[in-house]
Every structure is written in structure tokens, then in C-alpha cells.
Amino acid sequence: MTGAGSAPVTDQSPGLVRSPWQAISPAAKARRRTLFLALGALFAAVSVPFGFPTGREVTTAWVLLLLLAACGGEWPVWRRAVVHDWLPLIAVLFLYDLLRGVADELGARLFDLPELANGKVGAAGVDSAHVLPQLRADEVLFGWLTGGPVPTVWLQERLYDAGEVHWWDVAIVPVYMTHFVVPMVLAVVLWLSAYELFRRYVWTLVVLTLLTLATYALFPAAPPWMAGLNGYLPDVARVTSETLQATGIGTIRSAVARGEAYANAVAAIPSLHSAVPMMVLLFSWSRVGRKLRALLVAYVVAMTFTLTYGGEHFVVDAFVGWAYAAVSVYGVRRWMDRRQARSLTGGPAPGP
């Protein structure tokens, strides 16, 4: 990627102007290939029996190992890079995981919301959340196309068969799973190959994450599968989960997400699953060629289909996620461009 859409931001911290990918010693560069091969073999050996990593702590651990291999095993270089470049992002993402599960409590106190069964047992089996705003929005926006039903119901009536796994059911699983790896993988790619863009990307992802978390707190919202569970829609299947169970594909989930106290079934608006692909598209648009642009557009479409057909989100949830992605990308770009301009003219640079 090149900085065609905006001037690069050069980090002036001593010793970190260049990425450690270029800054390590020749000996470290020589052993880097061996470390990558060993890490790839380890990943395969762990993933085959235990499953694909989706938990935050699991994916973070793999990223840190990947960074260590990228640094050629030079511990001091890796340690400085993690603290200087990666710690803020990792901290915000873990904060998101911890707070996401209780974010709906504020919204439940601010609004008189219906109580909804969420499929759990006991006191944890009830959530308070909005249902009708997102449901009615999908009906109004797409009723002319579907003849009345919301897109999720319309798609499942035509494509889903209970107890039978189609090829398209299997195909949406890796699309859904990319959400757990794409943000960090792109961060690694930028850190290695376009270091001047890395900090812009990190701030964009941080802003998007915090905006999303704030909305979960103020506007708890039920997904289609929960609307179906409570009679607002016909029965809606969670196709991705059912396909994983039927095919035996394993995943290593987050220990936080597995805890009943932290699981939040009503963190649906905006759809962060949809927001991330749109963020990647908007962030990359001016910096990549036509073929990659087309691939990124296809990724956005594929994720939207996956979430809608899979019963995880209303389409309007995705639209709100796209809007949040645009605000994050262009807001951070404007802020960092102004920051860079002030630093070049000798004025005080706003922010960190």
C-alpha cells in the first residue's frame, strides 16, 4: 500500500522511524524465514485438533508470536515494538470484550424495553432490548423486494433447510470467521510493509471500537434470531452456529465470551462484523488498485449476506455499521492530517 490518498505520518520516536521489519539485525533477518515456517507449523498443529481461534486472547497470542518471528526473534526489538505500537490497540480491544457484555445495562435503564428470552437458562435467560425499530426499518427498506418479510426471513425461506447443510451454509462460515482475524492481520501487514500508515489504522480501529461500544450501551438491540425466538418473526435459525455444529468445525472461543456474565446477545447495532469490512474498504480505497478494490467490495457484500442470511443481524444493523466505519476512517484521517500539518509548520500538534 502507498500513501496516495494522504501524506504519510512519520513516527518521530527514536529508533522507531522504521518498522522493526527493516530495523532488525542481518542475523535476525536471516533466521526470520525459519521462524515463520515454525510458527506456521505450530498454528496448523494446534488448529487442526482444537479449532480455529476466535477468542481475543487466543488471536492476540498468535499475533504476538507472529511479531516475534517478524523481529527475527530479537526480544528487545519485539518488546519495544509491542509496547510502543501494539499495546494501546490490544488494551482497547480487550476493554471492548470486557465491557461489551454489560453495555446493555445502561440502555435498559434509560428506556422502557421489552424483556426478551435469549435462549439461556435461569436468570441470565432474559434481556431487555429494542426489537421493533430495526425490524420495521428492514420491512420498510426491503418490503418492496421481498414482498413483505424482512431479508433474513426471506433468505432463510429460500435457502435454509433445518438439519441439512448446503454448500452455501459451509461457505459463509469462513466469511463470518474473518471478522476475528482481519483487523489484526491488516494491522500486522501495515506494521510490516507500510509503517507510516500503521498508526492511522490503529486509531481508526480504536475509534470504531469505542463508538460501537458506546452505542451498545445506549441502544441495546435484538438480532433477528432473538426476534424470532420471542415471536416478533417466524423462527430464525443461526445458520453459522448450526453449520459449525453439524460439520464438527471447531473454534477456540474467548474465555471472556464463554462467561455468562459477559455474553451480550443484544449488542447488535451497529454490526461490528459489517463495520470492519467497510472500514478496511474505505481506509484502503485510495491506496490500492482496481482488482483489490473489487475484492474488498465483494468482502463487504459477502459479510452482509452472511450476517443477514445467518440470522445474526438485520440489514439496517449493517448500514449503521457502515456509517460508523465512514465516521471513523474520515474523522481520524482529518484529525491526523491536521496534526501532521501543524507539526510541519511548528505549531502544537493536537492529541497524542
Protein backbone atom coordinates (compact mmCIF):
# COMPACT_ATOMS: atom_id res chain seq x y z
CA MET A 1 0.00 0.00 0.00
CA THR A 2 1.15 3.51 -0.71
CA GLY A 3 0.07 6.81 0.72
CA ALA A 4 -1.61 8.02 -2.47
CA GLY A 5 -4.72 9.20 -0.66
CA SER A 6 -2.92 11.12 2.08
CA ALA A 7 0.56 12.08 3.11
CA PRO A 8 2.30 9.54 5.34
CA VAL A 9 2.66 10.14 9.03
CA THR A 10 6.23 9.52 10.13
CA ASP A 11 6.70 8.46 13.72
CA GLN A 12 9.49 10.58 15.16
CA SER A 13 10.15 8.39 18.20
CA PRO A 14 13.83 7.47 18.39
CA GLY A 15 14.59 4.07 16.96
CA LEU A 16 11.06 3.56 15.66
CA VAL A 17 11.05 5.65 12.47
CA ARG A 18 11.35 2.43 10.51
CA SER A 19 9.38 -0.71 11.16
CA PRO A 20 11.30 -3.34 13.10
CA TRP A 21 10.79 -5.45 9.97
CA GLN A 22 13.54 -3.36 8.38
CA ALA A 23 15.37 -2.28 11.52
CA ILE A 24 16.47 -5.66 12.91
CA SER A 25 19.98 -7.01 12.52
CA PRO A 26 21.09 -9.03 9.46
CA ALA A 27 21.35 -12.15 11.63
CA ALA A 28 17.73 -11.73 12.75
CA LYS A 29 16.61 -11.26 9.15
CA ALA A 30 18.42 -14.47 8.20
CA ARG A 31 16.54 -16.57 10.74
CA ARG A 32 13.16 -14.91 10.17
CA ARG A 33 12.09 -17.34 7.44
CA THR A 34 12.77 -20.33 9.70
CA LEU A 35 10.75 -18.75 12.50
CA PHE A 36 7.80 -18.11 10.17
CA LEU A 37 7.84 -21.71 8.98
CA ALA A 38 7.99 -23.00 12.55
CA LEU A 39 5.13 -20.71 13.58
CA GLY A 40 3.01 -21.85 10.64
CA ALA A 41 3.59 -25.49 11.56
CA LEU A 42 2.69 -24.77 15.18
CA PHE A 43 -0.51 -22.98 14.13
CA ALA A 44 -1.58 -25.94 11.99
CA ALA A 45 -0.72 -28.42 14.74
CA VAL A 46 -2.87 -26.50 17.25
CA SER A 47 -5.76 -25.52 14.97
CA VAL A 48 -6.45 -28.95 13.49
CA PRO A 49 -7.27 -30.69 16.79
CA PHE A 50 -8.50 -27.72 18.82
CA GLY A 51 -10.19 -25.47 16.25
CA PHE A 52 -9.87 -22.08 14.58
CA PRO A 53 -9.01 -19.25 17.01
CA THR A 54 -11.79 -16.69 17.52
CA GLY A 55 -11.16 -15.57 21.09
CA ARG A 56 -9.43 -12.25 21.65
CA GLU A 57 -6.75 -13.62 23.95
CA VAL A 58 -6.06 -16.52 21.58
CA THR A 59 -5.74 -14.41 18.43
CA THR A 60 -3.67 -11.83 20.31
CA ALA A 61 -1.26 -14.52 21.44
CA TRP A 62 -0.79 -15.67 17.85
CA VAL A 63 -0.26 -12.10 16.67
CA LEU A 64 2.41 -11.53 19.32
CA LEU A 65 4.17 -14.71 18.23
CA LEU A 66 3.95 -13.55 14.61
CA LEU A 67 5.51 -10.22 15.57
CA LEU A 68 8.30 -12.03 17.40
CA ALA A 69 9.01 -14.03 14.25
CA ALA A 70 8.89 -10.81 12.18
CA CYS A 71 11.51 -9.34 14.52
CA GLY A 72 13.71 -12.37 13.86
CA GLY A 73 13.44 -13.46 17.48
CA GLU A 74 15.18 -10.32 18.75
CA TRP A 75 13.48 -9.95 22.12
CA PRO A 76 14.43 -6.30 22.86
CA VAL A 77 13.18 -5.12 19.45
CA TRP A 78 9.96 -7.11 19.83
CA ARG A 79 9.38 -5.79 23.35
CA ARG A 80 9.78 -2.15 22.29
CA ALA A 81 7.52 -2.69 19.28
CA VAL A 82 4.76 -4.31 21.33
CA VAL A 83 4.78 -1.60 24.00
CA HIS A 84 5.08 1.34 21.60
CA ASP A 85 2.96 0.17 18.67
CA TRP A 86 0.58 -2.55 19.81
CA LEU A 87 -0.25 -2.14 23.49
CA PRO A 88 -2.83 0.68 23.02
CA LEU A 89 -4.75 -1.29 20.39
CA ILE A 90 -4.66 -4.55 22.35
CA ALA A 91 -5.80 -2.76 25.52
CA VAL A 92 -8.79 -1.15 23.79
CA LEU A 93 -9.86 -4.42 22.17
CA PHE A 94 -9.70 -6.28 25.47
CA LEU A 95 -11.62 -3.42 27.12
CA TYR A 96 -14.26 -3.82 24.42
CA ASP A 97 -14.60 -7.53 25.19
CA LEU A 98 -14.93 -6.92 28.92
CA LEU A 99 -17.45 -4.05 28.68
CA ARG A 100 -19.50 -5.37 25.75
CA GLY A 101 -21.19 -7.94 27.94
CA VAL A 102 -22.59 -5.37 30.38
CA ALA A 103 -23.02 -2.49 27.96
CA ASP A 104 -26.77 -3.08 27.58
CA GLU A 105 -27.50 -2.37 31.25
CA LEU A 106 -27.42 1.41 30.75
CA GLY A 107 -29.82 1.32 27.83
CA ALA A 108 -32.20 -0.94 29.73
CA ARG A 109 -32.37 1.67 32.49
CA LEU A 110 -32.88 4.60 30.11
CA PHE A 111 -35.71 3.07 28.09
CA ASP A 112 -38.79 1.01 28.79
CA LEU A 113 -37.74 -2.01 26.75
CA PRO A 114 -39.44 -5.38 26.25
CA GLU A 115 -37.97 -8.35 28.08
CA LEU A 116 -36.77 -10.98 25.64
CA ALA A 117 -35.79 -14.61 26.06
CA ASN A 118 -32.26 -15.19 24.79
CA GLY A 119 -32.08 -18.98 24.94
CA LYS A 120 -30.08 -19.20 28.16
CA VAL A 121 -31.25 -20.91 31.33
CA GLY A 122 -32.31 -19.19 34.53
CA ALA A 123 -31.98 -15.52 35.40
CA ALA A 124 -29.47 -14.99 32.60
CA GLY A 125 -32.09 -16.06 30.07
CA VAL A 126 -33.76 -12.66 29.76
CA ASP A 127 -32.51 -9.47 28.10
CA SER A 128 -34.13 -6.06 27.67
CA ALA A 129 -33.64 -4.62 24.19
CA HIS A 130 -35.14 -2.78 21.24
CA VAL A 131 -36.77 -5.00 18.62
CA LEU A 132 -39.24 -3.05 16.52
CA PRO A 133 -37.06 -0.14 15.29
CA GLN A 134 -34.61 -2.34 13.38
CA LEU A 135 -37.30 -4.83 12.36
CA ARG A 136 -39.58 -2.11 10.94
CA ALA A 137 -36.63 -0.44 9.21
CA ASP A 138 -35.84 -3.65 7.33
CA GLU A 139 -39.51 -4.08 6.41
CA VAL A 140 -39.75 -0.54 5.05
CA LEU A 141 -36.43 -0.65 3.19
CA PHE A 142 -36.82 -4.10 1.66
CA GLY A 143 -40.52 -4.94 1.70
CA TRP A 144 -40.83 -4.00 -1.97
CA LEU A 145 -38.11 -6.53 -2.80
CA THR A 146 -39.17 -9.41 -0.55
CA GLY A 147 -42.94 -8.95 -0.72
CA GLY A 148 -43.16 -8.22 2.98
CA PRO A 149 -40.76 -10.30 5.08
CA VAL A 150 -37.50 -8.90 6.37
CA PRO A 151 -34.49 -10.06 4.30
CA THR A 152 -33.39 -12.62 6.90
CA VAL A 153 -36.74 -14.43 6.81
CA TRP A 154 -36.97 -14.12 3.02
CA LEU A 155 -33.49 -15.64 2.55
CA GLN A 156 -33.98 -18.46 5.04
CA GLU A 157 -37.31 -19.40 3.45
CA ARG A 158 -35.47 -19.96 0.17
CA LEU A 159 -32.04 -21.20 1.21
CA TYR A 160 -32.19 -22.78 4.65
CA ASP A 161 -33.26 -26.36 5.41
CA ALA A 162 -33.24 -27.46 9.03
CA GLY A 163 -30.99 -30.46 9.56
CA GLU A 164 -29.41 -30.19 6.11
CA VAL A 165 -26.09 -28.45 5.40
CA HIS A 166 -25.77 -26.89 1.95
CA TRP A 167 -22.55 -25.75 0.35
CA TRP A 168 -23.53 -22.11 0.87
CA ASP A 169 -24.04 -22.79 4.58
CA VAL A 170 -20.45 -24.01 4.74
CA ALA A 171 -19.22 -21.11 2.58
CA ILE A 172 -20.49 -18.43 4.96
CA VAL A 173 -18.60 -19.89 7.92
CA PRO A 174 -15.11 -18.68 6.85
CA VAL A 175 -16.61 -15.33 5.85
CA TYR A 176 -18.03 -14.95 9.35
CA MET A 177 -14.76 -16.07 10.94
CA THR A 178 -12.67 -13.49 9.08
CA HIS A 179 -14.01 -10.90 11.49
CA PHE A 180 -11.83 -12.36 14.23
CA VAL A 181 -8.60 -12.17 12.24
CA VAL A 182 -8.84 -9.47 9.55
CA PRO A 183 -8.44 -6.40 11.82
CA MET A 184 -5.27 -7.74 13.44
CA VAL A 185 -3.87 -9.25 10.24
CA LEU A 186 -4.20 -5.91 8.42
CA ALA A 187 -2.54 -4.20 11.37
CA VAL A 188 0.37 -6.64 11.08
CA VAL A 189 0.61 -6.10 7.31
CA LEU A 190 0.75 -2.33 7.73
CA TRP A 191 3.23 -2.61 10.56
CA LEU A 192 5.49 -4.69 8.33
CA SER A 193 5.09 -3.03 4.95
CA ALA A 194 3.58 0.45 5.39
CA TYR A 195 4.68 1.60 8.80
CA GLU A 196 3.72 5.22 8.12
CA LEU A 197 0.07 4.10 7.82
CA PHE A 198 0.05 1.76 10.79
CA ARG A 199 -0.76 4.39 13.42
CA ARG A 200 -3.57 5.84 11.28
CA TYR A 201 -5.10 2.41 11.01
CA VAL A 202 -4.77 1.71 14.73
CA TRP A 203 -6.51 4.95 15.67
CA THR A 204 -9.25 4.25 13.13
CA LEU A 205 -9.91 0.82 14.62
CA VAL A 206 -9.81 2.21 18.17
CA VAL A 207 -12.34 4.95 17.36
CA LEU A 208 -14.65 2.49 15.59
CA THR A 209 -14.49 0.11 18.55
CA LEU A 210 -15.27 2.81 21.13
CA LEU A 211 -18.15 4.29 19.09
CA THR A 212 -19.63 0.82 18.73
CA LEU A 213 -19.32 0.07 22.43
CA ALA A 214 -20.99 3.38 23.36
CA THR A 215 -23.93 2.58 21.09
CA TYR A 216 -24.34 -0.88 22.59
CA ALA A 217 -24.65 0.83 25.97
CA LEU A 218 -27.25 3.38 24.85
CA PHE A 219 -29.22 1.26 22.38
CA PRO A 220 -29.36 -2.47 23.19
CA ALA A 221 -30.87 -4.17 20.16
CA ALA A 222 -32.08 -7.70 19.48
CA PRO A 223 -30.78 -9.59 16.41
CA PRO A 224 -33.18 -11.46 14.08
CA TRP A 225 -32.70 -14.84 15.76
CA MET A 226 -33.81 -13.34 19.09
CA ALA A 227 -36.75 -11.58 17.44
CA GLY A 228 -37.81 -14.96 16.09
CA LEU A 229 -37.34 -16.61 19.48
CA ASN A 230 -39.75 -14.10 21.01
CA GLY A 231 -42.45 -14.20 18.34
CA TYR A 232 -41.67 -10.95 16.52
CA LEU A 233 -40.64 -13.01 13.48
CA PRO A 234 -41.06 -16.60 12.36
CA ASP A 235 -38.38 -18.94 13.69
CA VAL A 236 -34.95 -17.71 12.61
CA ALA A 237 -32.01 -20.10 12.54
CA ARG A 238 -28.46 -19.17 13.49
CA VAL A 239 -27.02 -20.77 10.41
CA THR A 240 -23.34 -20.27 11.17
CA SER A 241 -23.57 -21.84 14.61
CA GLU A 242 -25.66 -24.73 13.34
CA THR A 243 -23.25 -25.35 10.46
CA LEU A 244 -20.29 -25.40 12.83
CA GLN A 245 -22.05 -27.97 15.00
CA ALA A 246 -23.19 -30.10 12.06
CA THR A 247 -19.79 -30.18 10.36
CA GLY A 248 -17.73 -30.52 13.51
CA ILE A 249 -15.62 -27.46 12.64
CA GLY A 250 -14.03 -26.36 15.89
CA THR A 251 -13.35 -22.87 17.17
CA ILE A 252 -11.31 -21.69 20.13
CA ARG A 253 -13.54 -19.02 21.61
CA SER A 254 -12.72 -16.31 24.09
CA ALA A 255 -12.77 -17.28 27.74
CA VAL A 256 -14.48 -13.93 28.35
CA ALA A 257 -17.15 -14.62 25.73
CA ARG A 258 -17.87 -18.03 27.29
CA GLY A 259 -18.65 -16.45 30.64
CA GLU A 260 -22.35 -15.91 31.26
CA ALA A 261 -21.65 -12.56 32.91
CA TYR A 262 -20.01 -11.21 29.77
CA ALA A 263 -22.13 -12.68 26.99
CA ASN A 264 -24.28 -9.99 25.39
CA ALA A 265 -26.82 -11.16 22.85
CA VAL A 266 -28.27 -7.68 22.32
CA ALA A 267 -25.13 -5.92 21.08
CA ALA A 268 -26.47 -5.85 17.52
CA ILE A 269 -26.48 -2.18 16.44
CA PRO A 270 -24.18 -1.35 14.85
CA SER A 271 -22.93 -4.61 13.39
CA LEU A 272 -19.20 -4.57 14.06
CA HIS A 273 -18.93 -7.59 11.76
CA SER A 274 -20.16 -5.31 8.96
CA ALA A 275 -18.34 -2.20 10.10
CA VAL A 276 -14.87 -3.77 9.93
CA PRO A 277 -15.02 -4.79 6.23
CA MET A 278 -16.33 -1.32 5.33
CA MET A 279 -13.60 0.30 7.42
CA VAL A 280 -10.97 -1.74 5.57
CA LEU A 281 -12.55 -0.80 2.24
CA LEU A 282 -12.68 2.94 2.96
CA PHE A 283 -9.24 3.02 4.56
CA SER A 284 -7.67 1.21 1.60
CA TRP A 285 -9.64 2.65 -1.32
CA SER A 286 -7.22 5.38 -2.36
CA ARG A 287 -4.18 3.18 -1.73
CA VAL A 288 -4.94 0.04 -3.74
CA GLY A 289 -5.65 -0.90 -7.36
CA ARG A 290 -8.92 -1.82 -9.03
CA LYS A 291 -8.63 -5.57 -8.52
CA LEU A 292 -8.13 -5.26 -4.79
CA ARG A 293 -10.92 -2.67 -4.59
CA ALA A 294 -13.27 -5.15 -6.27
CA LEU A 295 -12.18 -7.85 -3.81
CA LEU A 296 -12.84 -5.55 -0.85
CA VAL A 297 -16.30 -4.65 -2.19
CA ALA A 298 -17.04 -8.35 -2.60
CA TYR A 299 -15.94 -8.90 1.01
CA VAL A 300 -18.40 -6.26 2.25
CA VAL A 301 -21.22 -7.84 0.24
CA ALA A 302 -20.32 -11.38 1.35
CA MET A 303 -20.25 -10.37 5.02
CA THR A 304 -23.61 -8.59 4.72
CA PHE A 305 -25.16 -11.67 3.12
CA THR A 306 -23.58 -13.94 5.75
CA LEU A 307 -24.95 -11.93 8.67
CA THR A 308 -28.40 -11.43 7.14
CA TYR A 309 -28.96 -14.98 5.93
CA GLY A 310 -27.32 -16.36 9.07
CA GLY A 311 -29.84 -14.59 11.33
CA GLU A 312 -27.18 -12.61 13.20
CA HIS A 313 -28.13 -9.09 12.05
CA PHE A 314 -30.81 -7.08 10.34
CA VAL A 315 -29.59 -5.31 7.21
CA VAL A 316 -30.07 -1.94 8.89
CA ASP A 317 -27.56 -3.08 11.54
CA ALA A 318 -25.02 -3.39 8.73
CA PHE A 319 -25.94 0.02 7.33
CA VAL A 320 -25.33 1.64 10.71
CA GLY A 321 -22.02 -0.22 10.93
CA TRP A 322 -21.02 1.19 7.53
CA ALA A 323 -21.84 4.72 8.71
CA TYR A 324 -19.71 4.22 11.83
CA ALA A 325 -16.87 2.95 9.65
CA ALA A 326 -17.04 6.09 7.48
CA VAL A 327 -17.06 8.37 10.53
CA SER A 328 -14.04 6.55 11.97
CA VAL A 329 -11.98 6.47 8.76
CA TYR A 330 -12.59 10.04 7.64
CA GLY A 331 -12.65 11.51 11.14
CA VAL A 332 -9.28 10.00 12.05
CA ARG A 333 -7.86 10.94 8.64
CA ARG A 334 -8.88 14.58 9.10
CA TRP A 335 -7.51 14.67 12.65
CA MET A 336 -4.16 13.14 11.72
CA ASP A 337 -3.78 15.29 8.60
CA ARG A 338 -4.29 18.40 10.74
CA ARG A 339 -1.88 17.01 13.33
CA GLN A 340 0.77 16.41 10.68
CA ALA A 341 0.25 19.85 9.12
CA ARG A 342 0.74 21.55 12.49
CA SER A 343 3.88 19.53 13.20
CA LEU A 344 5.34 20.57 9.82
CA THR A 345 4.61 24.26 10.46
CA GLY A 346 5.95 24.14 14.01
CA GLY A 347 2.58 24.57 15.72
CA PRO A 348 1.37 22.41 18.61
CA ALA A 349 0.13 19.02 17.43
CA PRO A 350 -3.27 18.09 18.87
CA GLY A 351 -3.67 14.83 20.67
CA PRO A 352 -1.10 12.16 21.42
